[in-house]
């Protein structure tokens, strides 16, 4: 098993890619902590993985929640070898001029600032133990945007 004796923390782990990343890591021998705002979903995925998993409730846009998740993972498993920053959010596909500032702020907070929060919380622990790995997932929309929602307006 490639990840035997490794401890992984996966964000956005209650569904989709995050849930499958957590399950795959567990099949490869890792003990997995699953962080999500959807705690019920994280618990269900953790239950499907087994007793070496840990469901954590938290919002990746909150430095306090991210720090608490890292601390709970360390308290439960003694170390943190792998972080997968997988949580992501987007607004409905439409012209940027129709996206509210609140929606834009949420996209930025979940998709970008959460990585900062996680680095602040996890890197000190990884340094103390002699290393670790941080994986940041992204959308293909970064290199291949979706088709426009409607005709472009010229001004």
C-alpha atoms as a PDB file:
ATOM      1  CA  UNK A   1       0.000   0.000   0.000  1.00  0.00           C
ATOM      2  CA  UNK A   2       1.516   3.270  -1.160  1.00  0.00           C
ATOM      3  CA  UNK A   3       0.180   5.377   1.722  1.00  0.00           C
ATOM      4  CA  UNK A   4       0.618   2.958   4.622  1.00  0.00           C
ATOM      5  CA  UNK A   5       1.146   4.785   7.932  1.00  0.00           C
ATOM      6  CA  UNK A   6       0.354   8.182   6.343  1.00  0.00           C
ATOM      7  CA  UNK A   7      -2.164  10.628   7.781  1.00  0.00           C
ATOM      8  CA  UNK A   8      -4.148  12.708   5.272  1.00  0.00           C
ATOM      9  CA  UNK A   9      -6.555  15.617   5.705  1.00  0.00           C
ATOM     10  CA  UNK A  10      -8.921  16.167   2.759  1.00  0.00           C
ATOM     11  CA  UNK A  11     -11.123  19.259   2.455  1.00  0.00           C
ATOM     12  CA  UNK A  12     -14.449  19.171   0.655  1.00  0.00           C
ATOM     13  CA  UNK A  13     -14.558  15.477   1.507  1.00  0.00           C
ATOM     14  CA  UNK A  14     -18.307  15.004   2.010  1.00  0.00           C
ATOM     15  CA  UNK A  15     -19.004  14.392  -1.678  1.00  0.00           C
ATOM     16  CA  UNK A  16     -17.637  14.337  -5.200  1.00  0.00           C
ATOM     17  CA  UNK A  17     -13.894  14.387  -5.801  1.00  0.00           C
ATOM     18  CA  UNK A  18     -13.106  14.943  -2.112  1.00  0.00           C
ATOM     19  CA  UNK A  19     -15.013  11.849  -1.019  1.00  0.00           C
ATOM     20  CA  UNK A  20     -13.310   9.740  -3.686  1.00  0.00           C
ATOM     21  CA  UNK A  21      -9.880  11.145  -2.834  1.00  0.00           C
ATOM     22  CA  UNK A  22     -10.472  10.218   0.820  1.00  0.00           C
ATOM     23  CA  UNK A  23     -11.649   6.716  -0.114  1.00  0.00           C
ATOM     24  CA  UNK A  24      -8.710   6.190  -2.483  1.00  0.00           C
ATOM     25  CA  UNK A  25      -6.187   7.342   0.111  1.00  0.00           C
ATOM     26  CA  UNK A  26      -7.759   4.973   2.656  1.00  0.00           C
ATOM     27  CA  UNK A  27      -7.605   2.055   0.201  1.00  0.00           C
ATOM     28  CA  UNK A  28      -3.900   2.878  -0.205  1.00  0.00           C
ATOM     29  CA  UNK A  29      -3.378   2.608   3.570  1.00  0.00           C
ATOM     30  CA  UNK A  30      -3.744   6.179   4.827  1.00  0.00           C
ATOM     31  CA  UNK A  31      -5.738   7.236   7.843  1.00  0.00           C
ATOM     32  CA  UNK A  32      -7.957  10.044   6.593  1.00  0.00           C
ATOM     33  CA  UNK A  33      -9.521  13.109   8.211  1.00  0.00           C
ATOM     34  CA  UNK A  34     -12.441  14.491   6.187  1.00  0.00           C
ATOM     35  CA  UNK A  35     -13.209  18.205   6.543  1.00  0.00           C
ATOM     36  CA  UNK A  36     -16.420  19.682   5.160  1.00  0.00           C
ATOM     37  CA  UNK A  37     -19.136  22.217   6.000  1.00  0.00           C
ATOM     38  CA  UNK A  38     -21.510  19.303   5.374  1.00  0.00           C
ATOM     39  CA  UNK A  39     -20.678  17.380   8.542  1.00  0.00           C
ATOM     40  CA  UNK A  40     -23.392  14.764   7.967  1.00  0.00           C
ATOM     41  CA  UNK A  41     -21.911  14.033   4.545  1.00  0.00           C
ATOM     42  CA  UNK A  42     -18.382  13.862   5.970  1.00  0.00           C
ATOM     43  CA  UNK A  43     -19.604  11.432   8.637  1.00  0.00           C
ATOM     44  CA  UNK A  44     -21.272   9.232   6.014  1.00  0.00           C
ATOM     45  CA  UNK A  45     -18.110   9.079   3.906  1.00  0.00           C
ATOM     46  CA  UNK A  46     -15.987   8.444   7.004  1.00  0.00           C
ATOM     47  CA  UNK A  47     -18.326   5.610   8.006  1.00  0.00           C
ATOM     48  CA  UNK A  48     -17.924   4.087   4.548  1.00  0.00           C
ATOM     49  CA  UNK A  49     -14.133   4.206   4.959  1.00  0.00           C
ATOM     50  CA  UNK A  50     -13.984   2.677   8.409  1.00  0.00           C
ATOM     51  CA  UNK A  51     -12.555   3.273  11.876  1.00  0.00           C
ATOM     52  CA  UNK A  52      -9.292   4.882  10.701  1.00  0.00           C
ATOM     53  CA  UNK A  53     -11.178   7.898   9.357  1.00  0.00           C
ATOM     54  CA  UNK A  54     -12.204  11.054  11.162  1.00  0.00           C
ATOM     55  CA  UNK A  55     -15.094  13.338  10.109  1.00  0.00           C
ATOM     56  CA  UNK A  56     -14.559  17.014  10.884  1.00  0.00           C
ATOM     57  CA  UNK A  57     -17.061  19.858  10.625  1.00  0.00           C
ATOM     58  CA  UNK A  58     -15.613  23.108   9.403  1.00  0.00           C
ATOM     59  CA  UNK A  59     -15.598  25.891   6.877  1.00  0.00           C
ATOM     60  CA  UNK A  60     -12.354  26.294   4.921  1.00  0.00           C
ATOM     61  CA  UNK A  61     -12.982  30.044   4.697  1.00  0.00           C
ATOM     62  CA  UNK A  62     -12.513  30.256   8.477  1.00  0.00           C
ATOM     63  CA  UNK A  63      -8.928  30.257   9.768  1.00  0.00           C
ATOM     64  CA  UNK A  64     -10.267  29.093  13.146  1.00  0.00           C
ATOM     65  CA  UNK A  65     -12.079  26.096  11.615  1.00  0.00           C
ATOM     66  CA  UNK A  66      -9.071  25.084   9.523  1.00  0.00           C
ATOM     67  CA  UNK A  67      -6.712  25.368  12.498  1.00  0.00           C
ATOM     68  CA  UNK A  68      -9.127  23.327  14.613  1.00  0.00           C
ATOM     69  CA  UNK A  69      -9.271  20.625  11.914  1.00  0.00           C
ATOM     70  CA  UNK A  70      -5.488  20.368  11.777  1.00  0.00           C
ATOM     71  CA  UNK A  71      -5.298  20.265  15.585  1.00  0.00           C
ATOM     72  CA  UNK A  72      -7.977  17.540  15.788  1.00  0.00           C
ATOM     73  CA  UNK A  73      -6.179  15.501  13.128  1.00  0.00           C
ATOM     74  CA  UNK A  74      -2.905  15.803  15.030  1.00  0.00           C
ATOM     75  CA  UNK A  75      -4.581  14.944  18.340  1.00  0.00           C
ATOM     76  CA  UNK A  76      -6.303  11.917  16.823  1.00  0.00           C
ATOM     77  CA  UNK A  77      -3.492  10.560  14.644  1.00  0.00           C
ATOM     78  CA  UNK A  78      -0.298  12.135  16.006  1.00  0.00           C
ATOM     79  CA  UNK A  79       0.918  13.655  12.752  1.00  0.00           C
ATOM     80  CA  UNK A  80      -0.179  15.095   9.418  1.00  0.00           C
ATOM     81  CA  UNK A  81       1.584  13.867   6.283  1.00  0.00           C
ATOM     82  CA  UNK A  82      -0.735  14.923   3.467  1.00  0.00           C
ATOM     83  CA  UNK A  83      -3.197  17.774   2.997  1.00  0.00           C
ATOM     84  CA  UNK A  84      -5.496  17.832  -0.008  1.00  0.00           C
ATOM     85  CA  UNK A  85      -7.031  21.280  -0.507  1.00  0.00           C
ATOM     86  CA  UNK A  86      -9.991  20.086  -2.530  1.00  0.00           C
ATOM     87  CA  UNK A  87     -12.897  22.242  -1.312  1.00  0.00           C
ATOM     88  CA  UNK A  88     -14.230  24.425  -4.093  1.00  0.00           C
ATOM     89  CA  UNK A  89     -17.189  26.583  -4.982  1.00  0.00           C
ATOM     90  CA  UNK A  90     -18.440  28.582  -7.934  1.00  0.00           C
ATOM     91  CA  UNK A  91     -21.396  30.668  -8.964  1.00  0.00           C
ATOM     92  CA  UNK A  92     -23.813  29.766 -11.740  1.00  0.00           C
ATOM     93  CA  UNK A  93     -22.243  30.288 -15.175  1.00  0.00           C
ATOM     94  CA  UNK A  94     -23.169  33.780 -16.315  1.00  0.00           C
ATOM     95  CA  UNK A  95     -21.465  37.007 -17.393  1.00  0.00           C
ATOM     96  CA  UNK A  96     -19.114  38.451 -14.756  1.00  0.00           C
ATOM     97  CA  UNK A  97     -21.089  41.693 -14.670  1.00  0.00           C
ATOM     98  CA  UNK A  98     -24.022  39.688 -13.266  1.00  0.00           C
ATOM     99  CA  UNK A  99     -21.969  38.127 -10.460  1.00  0.00           C
ATOM    100  CA  UNK A 100     -22.447  39.891  -7.144  1.00  0.00           C
ATOM    101  CA  UNK A 101     -19.481  40.937  -5.067  1.00  0.00           C
ATOM    102  CA  UNK A 102     -20.627  38.554  -2.323  1.00  0.00           C
ATOM    103  CA  UNK A 103     -20.564  35.643  -4.782  1.00  0.00           C
ATOM    104  CA  UNK A 104     -17.122  36.654  -6.042  1.00  0.00           C
ATOM    105  CA  UNK A 105     -15.848  36.956  -2.455  1.00  0.00           C
ATOM    106  CA  UNK A 106     -17.137  33.465  -1.655  1.00  0.00           C
ATOM    107  CA  UNK A 107     -15.447  31.970  -4.753  1.00  0.00           C
ATOM    108  CA  UNK A 108     -12.173  33.606  -3.742  1.00  0.00           C
ATOM    109  CA  UNK A 109     -12.476  32.623  -0.069  1.00  0.00           C
ATOM    110  CA  UNK A 110     -13.250  28.958  -0.774  1.00  0.00           C
ATOM    111  CA  UNK A 111     -10.985  28.435  -3.775  1.00  0.00           C
ATOM    112  CA  UNK A 112      -7.977  30.605  -2.887  1.00  0.00           C
ATOM    113  CA  UNK A 113      -7.878  31.965   0.652  1.00  0.00           C
ATOM    114  CA  UNK A 114      -8.624  28.530   2.118  1.00  0.00           C
ATOM    115  CA  UNK A 115      -5.245  27.359   0.778  1.00  0.00           C
ATOM    116  CA  UNK A 116      -3.591  30.175   2.739  1.00  0.00           C
ATOM    117  CA  UNK A 117      -5.494  29.182   5.899  1.00  0.00           C
ATOM    118  CA  UNK A 118      -4.439  25.554   5.493  1.00  0.00           C
ATOM    119  CA  UNK A 119      -0.790  26.417   4.904  1.00  0.00           C
ATOM    120  CA  UNK A 120      -0.795  28.602   8.017  1.00  0.00           C
ATOM    121  CA  UNK A 121      -2.246  25.739  10.072  1.00  0.00           C
ATOM    122  CA  UNK A 122      -0.499  22.696   8.575  1.00  0.00           C
ATOM    123  CA  UNK A 123       2.993  23.808   7.577  1.00  0.00           C
ATOM    124  CA  UNK A 124       4.262  24.369  11.153  1.00  0.00           C
ATOM    125  CA  UNK A 125       3.218  20.825  12.113  1.00  0.00           C
ATOM    126  CA  UNK A 126       4.776  19.402   8.950  1.00  0.00           C
ATOM    127  CA  UNK A 127       8.018  21.280   9.632  1.00  0.00           C
ATOM    128  CA  UNK A 128       8.152  19.928  13.215  1.00  0.00           C
ATOM    129  CA  UNK A 129       7.790  16.354  11.965  1.00  0.00           C
ATOM    130  CA  UNK A 130      10.301  16.764   9.143  1.00  0.00           C
ATOM    131  CA  UNK A 131       8.056  17.157   6.112  1.00  0.00           C
ATOM    132  CA  UNK A 132       4.737  16.615   4.457  1.00  0.00           C
ATOM    133  CA  UNK A 133       2.877  17.086   1.201  1.00  0.00           C
ATOM    134  CA  UNK A 134       0.213  19.628   0.253  1.00  0.00           C
ATOM    135  CA  UNK A 135      -1.887  18.971  -2.845  1.00  0.00           C
ATOM    136  CA  UNK A 136      -4.080  21.739  -4.267  1.00  0.00           C
ATOM    137  CA  UNK A 137      -6.789  20.711  -6.700  1.00  0.00           C
ATOM    138  CA  UNK A 138      -8.219  23.039  -9.300  1.00  0.00           C
ATOM    139  CA  UNK A 139     -10.820  23.192 -11.988  1.00  0.00           C
ATOM    140  CA  UNK A 140     -10.243  22.684 -15.667  1.00  0.00           C
ATOM    141  CA  UNK A 141     -12.098  25.990 -16.022  1.00  0.00           C
ATOM    142  CA  UNK A 142      -8.789  27.654 -15.178  1.00  0.00           C
ATOM    143  CA  UNK A 143      -7.389  26.566 -18.536  1.00  0.00           C
ATOM    144  CA  UNK A 144     -10.590  25.867 -20.471  1.00  0.00           C
ATOM    145  CA  UNK A 145     -13.373  28.222 -19.395  1.00  0.00           C
ATOM    146  CA  UNK A 146     -16.970  27.145 -19.962  1.00  0.00           C
ATOM    147  CA  UNK A 147     -18.866  28.576 -22.912  1.00  0.00           C
ATOM    148  CA  UNK A 148     -20.373  31.995 -22.261  1.00  0.00           C
ATOM    149  CA  UNK A 149     -23.815  31.989 -20.688  1.00  0.00           C
ATOM    150  CA  UNK A 150     -25.060  34.514 -23.203  1.00  0.00           C
ATOM    151  CA  UNK A 151     -23.968  36.980 -25.872  1.00  0.00           C
ATOM    152  CA  UNK A 152     -21.214  39.369 -24.868  1.00  0.00           C
ATOM    153  CA  UNK A 153     -22.380  42.936 -24.477  1.00  0.00           C
ATOM    154  CA  UNK A 154     -20.378  45.666 -26.122  1.00  0.00           C
ATOM    155  CA  UNK A 155     -20.179  49.073 -24.596  1.00  0.00           C
END
